[in-house]
C-alpha atoms as a PDB file:
ATOM      1  CA  UNK A   1     178.709 161.050  73.060  1.00  0.00           C
ATOM      2  CA  UNK A   2     178.395 164.829  73.208  1.00  0.00           C
ATOM      3  CA  UNK A   3     175.566 166.786  74.837  1.00  0.00           C
ATOM      4  CA  UNK A   4     173.903 169.233  72.424  1.00  0.00           C
ATOM      5  CA  UNK A   5     174.123 172.903  73.478  1.00  0.00           C
ATOM      6  CA  UNK A   6     170.398 173.618  73.044  1.00  0.00           C
ATOM      7  CA  UNK A   7     168.484 170.345  73.269  1.00  0.00           C
ATOM      8  CA  UNK A   8     164.906 169.952  72.076  1.00  0.00           C
ATOM      9  CA  UNK A   9     162.207 169.292  74.655  1.00  0.00           C
ATOM     10  CA  UNK A  10     161.609 165.567  75.299  1.00  0.00           C
ATOM     11  CA  UNK A  11     158.270 164.563  73.667  1.00  0.00           C
ATOM     12  CA  UNK A  12     155.251 164.880  75.982  1.00  0.00           C
ATOM     13  CA  UNK A  13     154.011 161.528  74.657  1.00  0.00           C
ATOM     14  CA  UNK A  14     156.225 158.815  73.175  1.00  0.00           C
ATOM     15  CA  UNK A  15     154.421 157.381  70.124  1.00  0.00           C
ATOM     16  CA  UNK A  16     157.215 155.323  68.545  1.00  0.00           C
ATOM     17  CA  UNK A  17     160.912 154.547  68.661  1.00  0.00           C
ATOM     18  CA  UNK A  18     162.849 153.784  65.489  1.00  0.00           C
ATOM     19  CA  UNK A  19     166.302 152.870  64.212  1.00  0.00           C
ATOM     20  CA  UNK A  20     166.866 154.170  60.663  1.00  0.00           C
ATOM     21  CA  UNK A  21     169.698 152.621  58.627  1.00  0.00           C
ATOM     22  CA  UNK A  22     171.910 152.361  61.718  1.00  0.00           C
ATOM     23  CA  UNK A  23     175.518 151.177  61.409  1.00  0.00           C
ATOM     24  CA  UNK A  24     177.822 150.965  64.409  1.00  0.00           C
ATOM     25  CA  UNK A  25     181.264 149.686  65.371  1.00  0.00           C
ATOM     26  CA  UNK A  26     183.069 150.143  68.703  1.00  0.00           C
ATOM     27  CA  UNK A  27     186.322 151.041  66.922  1.00  0.00           C
ATOM     28  CA  UNK A  28     186.429 153.162  63.771  1.00  0.00           C
ATOM     29  CA  UNK A  29     187.344 151.077  60.743  1.00  0.00           C
ATOM     30  CA  UNK A  30     186.857 147.796  62.631  1.00  0.00           C
ATOM     31  CA  UNK A  31     184.159 145.171  62.118  1.00  0.00           C
ATOM     32  CA  UNK A  32     180.632 146.551  62.418  1.00  0.00           C
ATOM     33  CA  UNK A  33     178.626 145.362  65.415  1.00  0.00           C
ATOM     34  CA  UNK A  34     175.379 146.631  63.867  1.00  0.00           C
ATOM     35  CA  UNK A  35     174.714 146.912  60.157  1.00  0.00           C
ATOM     36  CA  UNK A  36     171.787 148.594  58.385  1.00  0.00           C
ATOM     37  CA  UNK A  37     169.391 148.307  61.341  1.00  0.00           C
ATOM     38  CA  UNK A  38     165.822 149.359  60.576  1.00  0.00           C
ATOM     39  CA  UNK A  39     163.230 148.836  63.291  1.00  0.00           C
ATOM     40  CA  UNK A  40     160.086 150.650  64.466  1.00  0.00           C
ATOM     41  CA  UNK A  41     158.412 149.996  67.831  1.00  0.00           C
ATOM     42  CA  UNK A  42     155.040 151.654  68.471  1.00  0.00           C
ATOM     43  CA  UNK A  43     153.496 152.698  71.776  1.00  0.00           C
ATOM     44  CA  UNK A  44     151.477 149.918  73.412  1.00  0.00           C
ATOM     45  CA  UNK A  45     153.601 147.160  71.888  1.00  0.00           C
ATOM     46  CA  UNK A  46     156.209 144.700  73.127  1.00  0.00           C
ATOM     47  CA  UNK A  47     159.211 144.088  70.849  1.00  0.00           C
ATOM     48  CA  UNK A  48     161.372 141.019  71.506  1.00  0.00           C
ATOM     49  CA  UNK A  49     165.025 141.341  70.468  1.00  0.00           C
ATOM     50  CA  UNK A  50     166.266 137.805  69.837  1.00  0.00           C
ATOM     51  CA  UNK A  51     169.515 136.209  68.644  1.00  0.00           C
ATOM     52  CA  UNK A  52     172.556 134.334  69.831  1.00  0.00           C
ATOM     53  CA  UNK A  53     175.227 135.936  72.049  1.00  0.00           C
ATOM     54  CA  UNK A  54     177.287 138.599  70.271  1.00  0.00           C
ATOM     55  CA  UNK A  55     174.714 139.472  67.588  1.00  0.00           C
ATOM     56  CA  UNK A  56     174.315 143.058  68.823  1.00  0.00           C
ATOM     57  CA  UNK A  57     171.139 142.901  70.963  1.00  0.00           C
ATOM     58  CA  UNK A  58     172.584 144.822  73.920  1.00  0.00           C
ATOM     59  CA  UNK A  59     174.370 147.279  71.597  1.00  0.00           C
ATOM     60  CA  UNK A  60     170.999 148.080  69.971  1.00  0.00           C
ATOM     61  CA  UNK A  61     169.622 149.073  73.388  1.00  0.00           C
ATOM     62  CA  UNK A  62     172.840 150.962  74.263  1.00  0.00           C
ATOM     63  CA  UNK A  63     172.259 153.232  71.255  1.00  0.00           C
ATOM     64  CA  UNK A  64     168.741 154.009  72.494  1.00  0.00           C
ATOM     65  CA  UNK A  65     170.256 155.105  75.818  1.00  0.00           C
ATOM     66  CA  UNK A  66     172.968 157.106  73.983  1.00  0.00           C
ATOM     67  CA  UNK A  67     175.765 155.223  75.668  1.00  0.00           C
ATOM     68  CA  UNK A  68     177.102 155.358  72.095  1.00  0.00           C
ATOM     69  CA  UNK A  69     176.073 157.160  68.913  1.00  0.00           C
ATOM     70  CA  UNK A  70     175.637 155.397  65.542  1.00  0.00           C
ATOM     71  CA  UNK A  71     178.377 155.757  62.918  1.00  0.00           C
ATOM     72  CA  UNK A  72     175.597 156.173  60.336  1.00  0.00           C
ATOM     73  CA  UNK A  73     171.825 156.459  60.513  1.00  0.00           C
ATOM     74  CA  UNK A  74     169.727 157.684  63.419  1.00  0.00           C
ATOM     75  CA  UNK A  75     167.724 156.536  66.427  1.00  0.00           C
ATOM     76  CA  UNK A  76     164.515 158.557  66.812  1.00  0.00           C
ATOM     77  CA  UNK A  77     161.748 159.031  69.354  1.00  0.00           C
ATOM     78  CA  UNK A  78     158.608 160.000  67.430  1.00  0.00           C
ATOM     79  CA  UNK A  79     160.455 161.791  64.611  1.00  0.00           C
ATOM     80  CA  UNK A  80     163.132 163.479  66.723  1.00  0.00           C
ATOM     81  CA  UNK A  81     166.739 162.263  66.470  1.00  0.00           C
ATOM     82  CA  UNK A  82     167.734 161.408  70.048  1.00  0.00           C
ATOM     83  CA  UNK A  83     171.054 163.225  69.526  1.00  0.00           C
ATOM     84  CA  UNK A  84     168.950 166.431  69.626  1.00  0.00           C
ATOM     85  CA  UNK A  85     167.608 165.611  73.111  1.00  0.00           C
ATOM     86  CA  UNK A  86     169.187 166.153  76.528  1.00  0.00           C
ATOM     87  CA  UNK A  87     171.022 162.971  77.561  1.00  0.00           C
ATOM     88  CA  UNK A  88     169.736 163.302  81.140  1.00  0.00           C
ATOM     89  CA  UNK A  89     166.125 163.758  79.963  1.00  0.00           C
ATOM     90  CA  UNK A  90     166.431 160.806  77.584  1.00  0.00           C
ATOM     91  CA  UNK A  91     167.727 158.452  80.291  1.00  0.00           C
ATOM     92  CA  UNK A  92     165.133 159.747  82.768  1.00  0.00           C
ATOM     93  CA  UNK A  93     162.482 158.406  80.408  1.00  0.00           C
ATOM     94  CA  UNK A  94     163.925 154.885  80.063  1.00  0.00           C
ATOM     95  CA  UNK A  95     163.807 152.190  82.765  1.00  0.00           C
ATOM     96  CA  UNK A  96     165.861 148.986  82.598  1.00  0.00           C
ATOM     97  CA  UNK A  97     165.657 145.677  84.447  1.00  0.00           C
ATOM     98  CA  UNK A  98     168.836 143.679  83.941  1.00  0.00           C
ATOM     99  CA  UNK A  99     169.242 139.928  84.290  1.00  0.00           C
ATOM    100  CA  UNK A 100     171.794 140.539  87.050  1.00  0.00           C
ATOM    101  CA  UNK A 101     169.817 141.913  89.982  1.00  0.00           C
ATOM    102  CA  UNK A 102     171.649 144.325  92.268  1.00  0.00           C
ATOM    103  CA  UNK A 103     169.980 144.472  95.680  1.00  0.00           C
ATOM    104  CA  UNK A 104     171.157 146.208  98.831  1.00  0.00           C
ATOM    105  CA  UNK A 105     171.126 145.461 102.566  1.00  0.00           C
ATOM    106  CA  UNK A 106     168.111 147.710 103.091  1.00  0.00           C
ATOM    107  CA  UNK A 107     164.370 147.073 103.335  1.00  0.00           C
ATOM    108  CA  UNK A 108     162.381 145.604 100.440  1.00  0.00           C
ATOM    109  CA  UNK A 109     160.544 148.924 100.002  1.00  0.00           C
ATOM    110  CA  UNK A 110     163.837 150.846  99.847  1.00  0.00           C
ATOM    111  CA  UNK A 111     165.228 148.372  97.315  1.00  0.00           C
ATOM    112  CA  UNK A 112     162.230 148.746  95.012  1.00  0.00           C
ATOM    113  CA  UNK A 113     162.304 152.558  95.368  1.00  0.00           C
ATOM    114  CA  UNK A 114     166.100 152.771  94.933  1.00  0.00           C
ATOM    115  CA  UNK A 115     165.887 154.723  91.644  1.00  0.00           C
ATOM    116  CA  UNK A 116     162.686 156.564  92.602  1.00  0.00           C
ATOM    117  CA  UNK A 117     162.933 157.477  96.330  1.00  0.00           C
ATOM    118  CA  UNK A 118     160.101 160.013  96.050  1.00  0.00           C
ATOM    119  CA  UNK A 119     157.497 157.283  95.402  1.00  0.00           C
ATOM    120  CA  UNK A 120     154.902 156.441  98.061  1.00  0.00           C
ATOM    121  CA  UNK A 121     154.456 153.030  99.686  1.00  0.00           C
ATOM    122  CA  UNK A 122     151.179 152.667  97.771  1.00  0.00           C
ATOM    123  CA  UNK A 123     153.010 153.186  94.453  1.00  0.00           C
ATOM    124  CA  UNK A 124     155.705 150.708  95.533  1.00  0.00           C
ATOM    125  CA  UNK A 125     153.008 148.120  96.282  1.00  0.00           C
ATOM    126  CA  UNK A 126     151.367 148.671  92.880  1.00  0.00           C
ATOM    127  CA  UNK A 127     154.706 148.162  91.087  1.00  0.00           C
ATOM    128  CA  UNK A 128     155.340 145.013  93.147  1.00  0.00           C
ATOM    129  CA  UNK A 129     151.875 143.794  92.162  1.00  0.00           C
ATOM    130  CA  UNK A 130     152.637 144.141  88.444  1.00  0.00           C
ATOM    131  CA  UNK A 131     155.910 142.224  88.967  1.00  0.00           C
ATOM    132  CA  UNK A 132     154.099 139.464  90.948  1.00  0.00           C
ATOM    133  CA  UNK A 133     156.212 140.290  93.999  1.00  0.00           C
ATOM    134  CA  UNK A 134     153.521 141.629  96.361  1.00  0.00           C
ATOM    135  CA  UNK A 135     152.241 138.237  97.542  1.00  0.00           C
ATOM    136  CA  UNK A 136     155.628 136.882  98.628  1.00  0.00           C
ATOM    137  CA  UNK A 137     156.570 140.225 100.218  1.00  0.00           C
ATOM    138  CA  UNK A 138     153.523 140.385 102.518  1.00  0.00           C
ATOM    139  CA  UNK A 139     154.213 136.805 103.658  1.00  0.00           C
ATOM    140  CA  UNK A 140     157.608 137.904 105.008  1.00  0.00           C
ATOM    141  CA  UNK A 141     157.900 138.708 108.731  1.00  0.00           C
ATOM    142  CA  UNK A 142     157.914 142.487 108.308  1.00  0.00           C
ATOM    143  CA  UNK A 143     156.449 142.734 104.820  1.00  0.00           C
ATOM    144  CA  UNK A 144     157.838 145.722 102.895  1.00  0.00           C
ATOM    145  CA  UNK A 145     159.946 146.667 105.949  1.00  0.00           C
ATOM    146  CA  UNK A 146     161.829 143.344 105.847  1.00  0.00           C
ATOM    147  CA  UNK A 147     165.582 143.958 105.729  1.00  0.00           C
ATOM    148  CA  UNK A 148     167.333 142.072 102.948  1.00  0.00           C
ATOM    149  CA  UNK A 149     170.595 140.260 103.624  1.00  0.00           C
ATOM    150  CA  UNK A 150     173.794 140.884 101.679  1.00  0.00           C
ATOM    151  CA  UNK A 151     172.801 141.179  97.971  1.00  0.00           C
ATOM    152  CA  UNK A 152     169.323 139.894  98.752  1.00  0.00           C
ATOM    153  CA  UNK A 153     170.632 136.565 100.065  1.00  0.00           C
ATOM    154  CA  UNK A 154     167.355 135.921 101.922  1.00  0.00           C
ATOM    155  CA  UNK A 155     165.513 135.687  98.609  1.00  0.00           C
ATOM    156  CA  UNK A 156     165.352 133.083  95.831  1.00  0.00           C
ATOM    157  CA  UNK A 157     166.649 133.988  92.337  1.00  0.00           C
ATOM    158  CA  UNK A 158     163.055 134.338  91.094  1.00  0.00           C
ATOM    159  CA  UNK A 159     162.120 136.663  93.969  1.00  0.00           C
ATOM    160  CA  UNK A 160     165.185 138.846  93.340  1.00  0.00           C
ATOM    161  CA  UNK A 161     164.272 139.040  89.675  1.00  0.00           C
ATOM    162  CA  UNK A 162     160.725 140.166  90.468  1.00  0.00           C
ATOM    163  CA  UNK A 163     162.038 142.927  92.752  1.00  0.00           C
ATOM    164  CA  UNK A 164     164.278 144.096  89.906  1.00  0.00           C
ATOM    165  CA  UNK A 165     161.260 144.236  87.549  1.00  0.00           C
ATOM    166  CA  UNK A 166     159.224 146.094  90.217  1.00  0.00           C
ATOM    167  CA  UNK A 167     162.041 148.647  90.554  1.00  0.00           C
ATOM    168  CA  UNK A 168     161.954 149.346  86.794  1.00  0.00           C
ATOM    169  CA  UNK A 169     158.137 149.541  86.733  1.00  0.00           C
ATOM    170  CA  UNK A 170     158.094 151.989  89.667  1.00  0.00           C
ATOM    171  CA  UNK A 171     160.138 154.481  87.607  1.00  0.00           C
ATOM    172  CA  UNK A 172     156.945 154.808  85.511  1.00  0.00           C
ATOM    173  CA  UNK A 173     158.804 155.738  82.320  1.00  0.00           C
ATOM    174  CA  UNK A 174     157.355 155.650  78.762  1.00  0.00           C
ATOM    175  CA  UNK A 175     160.159 153.281  77.636  1.00  0.00           C
ATOM    176  CA  UNK A 176     161.006 149.998  79.388  1.00  0.00           C
ATOM    177  CA  UNK A 177     163.875 147.624  78.556  1.00  0.00           C
ATOM    178  CA  UNK A 178     163.841 144.153  80.130  1.00  0.00           C
ATOM    179  CA  UNK A 179     166.963 142.014  79.705  1.00  0.00           C
ATOM    180  CA  UNK A 180     166.101 138.308  80.176  1.00  0.00           C
ATOM    181  CA  UNK A 181     163.330 139.391  82.572  1.00  0.00           C
ATOM    182  CA  UNK A 182     161.913 135.947  83.308  1.00  0.00           C
ATOM    183  CA  UNK A 183     165.035 133.735  83.234  1.00  0.00           C
ATOM    184  CA  UNK A 184     164.621 132.735  86.904  1.00  0.00           C
ATOM    185  CA  UNK A 185     160.816 132.492  86.971  1.00  0.00           C
ATOM    186  CA  UNK A 186     158.686 129.358  86.801  1.00  0.00           C
ATOM    187  CA  UNK A 187     156.245 129.064  83.861  1.00  0.00           C
ATOM    188  CA  UNK A 188     153.114 130.104  85.818  1.00  0.00           C
ATOM    189  CA  UNK A 189     154.742 133.226  87.355  1.00  0.00           C
ATOM    190  CA  UNK A 190     156.339 134.145  84.029  1.00  0.00           C
ATOM    191  CA  UNK A 191     152.948 134.013  82.273  1.00  0.00           C
ATOM    192  CA  UNK A 192     151.378 136.234  84.951  1.00  0.00           C
ATOM    193  CA  UNK A 193     154.245 138.790  84.929  1.00  0.00           C
ATOM    194  CA  UNK A 194     154.119 139.082  81.118  1.00  0.00           C
ATOM    195  CA  UNK A 195     150.322 139.421  81.169  1.00  0.00           C
ATOM    196  CA  UNK A 196     150.604 142.199  83.791  1.00  0.00           C
ATOM    197  CA  UNK A 197     153.335 143.924  81.752  1.00  0.00           C
ATOM    198  CA  UNK A 198     151.105 143.899  78.680  1.00  0.00           C
ATOM    199  CA  UNK A 199     148.313 145.654  80.610  1.00  0.00           C
ATOM    200  CA  UNK A 200     150.748 148.062  82.294  1.00  0.00           C
ATOM    201  CA  UNK A 201     152.455 148.825  78.971  1.00  0.00           C
ATOM    202  CA  UNK A 202     149.371 150.080  77.094  1.00  0.00           C
ATOM    203  CA  UNK A 203     150.827 153.615  76.908  1.00  0.00           C
ATOM    204  CA  UNK A 204     154.475 152.583  76.781  1.00  0.00           C
ATOM    205  CA  UNK A 205     157.059 151.056  74.462  1.00  0.00           C
ATOM    206  CA  UNK A 206     158.484 147.821  75.882  1.00  0.00           C
ATOM    207  CA  UNK A 207     161.570 145.900  74.705  1.00  0.00           C
ATOM    208  CA  UNK A 208     162.406 142.343  75.786  1.00  0.00           C
ATOM    209  CA  UNK A 209     165.968 141.148  75.197  1.00  0.00           C
ATOM    210  CA  UNK A 210     165.562 137.407  75.620  1.00  0.00           C
ATOM    211  CA  UNK A 211     166.327 133.832  74.568  1.00  0.00           C
ATOM    212  CA  UNK A 212     163.370 132.303  76.368  1.00  0.00           C
ATOM    213  CA  UNK A 213     160.802 131.002  73.896  1.00  0.00           C
ATOM    214  CA  UNK A 214     157.800 131.373  76.193  1.00  0.00           C
ATOM    215  CA  UNK A 215     158.700 135.062  76.692  1.00  0.00           C
ATOM    216  CA  UNK A 216     159.318 135.711  72.988  1.00  0.00           C
ATOM    217  CA  UNK A 217     155.935 134.305  71.931  1.00  0.00           C
ATOM    218  CA  UNK A 218     154.049 137.004  73.861  1.00  0.00           C
ATOM    219  CA  UNK A 219     155.687 139.846  71.889  1.00  0.00           C
ATOM    220  CA  UNK A 220     153.838 141.905  69.261  1.00  0.00           C
ATOM    221  CA  UNK A 221     156.897 141.743  67.030  1.00  0.00           C
ATOM    222  CA  UNK A 222     160.128 139.765  67.071  1.00  0.00           C
ATOM    223  CA  UNK A 223     163.369 141.205  65.710  1.00  0.00           C
ATOM    224  CA  UNK A 224     165.648 138.223  65.063  1.00  0.00           C
ATOM    225  CA  UNK A 225     169.284 139.321  64.896  1.00  0.00           C
ATOM    226  CA  UNK A 226     172.234 137.599  63.294  1.00  0.00           C
ATOM    227  CA  UNK A 227     175.722 139.049  62.703  1.00  0.00           C
ATOM    228  CA  UNK A 228     174.609 142.540  63.711  1.00  0.00           C
ATOM    229  CA  UNK A 229     171.644 142.640  61.367  1.00  0.00           C
ATOM    230  CA  UNK A 230     167.899 142.188  61.859  1.00  0.00           C
ATOM    231  CA  UNK A 231     167.483 139.324  59.406  1.00  0.00           C
ATOM    232  CA  UNK A 232     163.800 138.624  60.202  1.00  0.00           C
ATOM    233  CA  UNK A 233     161.004 140.740  61.663  1.00  0.00           C
ATOM    234  CA  UNK A 234     157.426 139.739  62.454  1.00  0.00           C
ATOM    235  CA  UNK A 235     155.150 137.941  64.900  1.00  0.00           C
ATOM    236  CA  UNK A 236     155.894 134.405  66.141  1.00  0.00           C
ATOM    237  CA  UNK A 237     153.288 132.994  63.717  1.00  0.00           C
ATOM    238  CA  UNK A 238     154.604 134.981  60.728  1.00  0.00           C
ATOM    239  CA  UNK A 239     158.216 133.965  61.325  1.00  0.00           C
ATOM    240  CA  UNK A 240     157.307 130.304  61.877  1.00  0.00           C
ATOM    241  CA  UNK A 241     155.752 130.261  58.384  1.00  0.00           C
ATOM    242  CA  UNK A 242     159.105 131.146  56.746  1.00  0.00           C
ATOM    243  CA  UNK A 243     160.679 128.038  55.247  1.00  0.00           C
ATOM    244  CA  UNK A 244     164.323 127.646  56.308  1.00  0.00           C
ATOM    245  CA  UNK A 245     163.882 130.771  58.451  1.00  0.00           C
ATOM    246  CA  UNK A 246     166.458 131.666  61.108  1.00  0.00           C
ATOM    247  CA  UNK A 247     163.789 132.155  63.777  1.00  0.00           C
ATOM    248  CA  UNK A 248     162.086 128.894  62.901  1.00  0.00           C
ATOM    249  CA  UNK A 249     165.443 127.080  63.212  1.00  0.00           C
ATOM    250  CA  UNK A 250     165.985 128.754  66.584  1.00  0.00           C
ATOM    251  CA  UNK A 251     162.534 127.653  67.848  1.00  0.00           C
ATOM    252  CA  UNK A 252     162.950 124.073  66.628  1.00  0.00           C
ATOM    253  CA  UNK A 253     166.401 123.850  68.233  1.00  0.00           C
ATOM    254  CA  UNK A 254     164.978 125.186  71.527  1.00  0.00           C
ATOM    255  CA  UNK A 255     162.083 122.694  71.456  1.00  0.00           C
ATOM    256  CA  UNK A 256     164.472 119.814  70.675  1.00  0.00           C
ATOM    257  CA  UNK A 257     166.685 120.896  73.588  1.00  0.00           C
ATOM    258  CA  UNK A 258     163.693 120.996  75.975  1.00  0.00           C
ATOM    259  CA  UNK A 259     162.475 117.572  74.769  1.00  0.00           C
ATOM    260  CA  UNK A 260     165.923 116.019  75.224  1.00  0.00           C
ATOM    261  CA  UNK A 261     166.352 117.424  78.743  1.00  0.00           C
ATOM    262  CA  UNK A 262     162.882 116.108  79.723  1.00  0.00           C
ATOM    263  CA  UNK A 263     163.721 112.646  78.347  1.00  0.00           C
ATOM    264  CA  UNK A 264     167.039 112.586  80.234  1.00  0.00           C
ATOM    265  CA  UNK A 265     165.233 113.634  83.421  1.00  0.00           C
ATOM    266  CA  UNK A 266     162.787 110.720  83.093  1.00  0.00           C
ATOM    267  CA  UNK A 267     165.626 108.259  82.432  1.00  0.00           C
END
């Protein structure tokens, strides 16, 4: 990835992000990881990127961050090819919450503000509120000044995940990528976090990389990937109406798996 000598100014308002006929392979001449990707995500919407492991979901997001450039096609913000933008400016405008939460032996406030140290305590609290973390934080002995143990060992997996989401929200960027954001959350908390994200994301473009059915259903559009290609695109209802559809098969398999695990639990 090469920085352009005279980059264009990053758009004042992000209206849409699009992949146009994108092909990509990690090694020239080797098997393509992504093939003929066409996808548009508008401001104020949540796009779920769904598919089994190795279908190219993370690679799709890597191209948006310009960790790699496409072999063919283009990724655009509004109608500007991101290769014409400053790499630093581009990445400044994208926040990511990964499934693996990296926390430090510092206070909760410092952990949330790790990537945005200039933010005020009030802004930190607002971000924690969106991520449904505020209530458990204020119950701790020193609230936001509570020191976390090694890698956040004092917290449950769900609490660590909510701090990771709060950290991404605090960056206040127009583009947000959440990788399996609710994997460690119970159903009630997950529903509340996703509802808050929808309200918070009115002027933003949000991507969810996920397998979790309850998370996927809340999206405005679902891009179902298979073998490096978006084979189906639409809402949950639209894709469920497709006979012999890949997404429908995925949903039915998930539901069967949940039913079987519930039956085994009762036995």
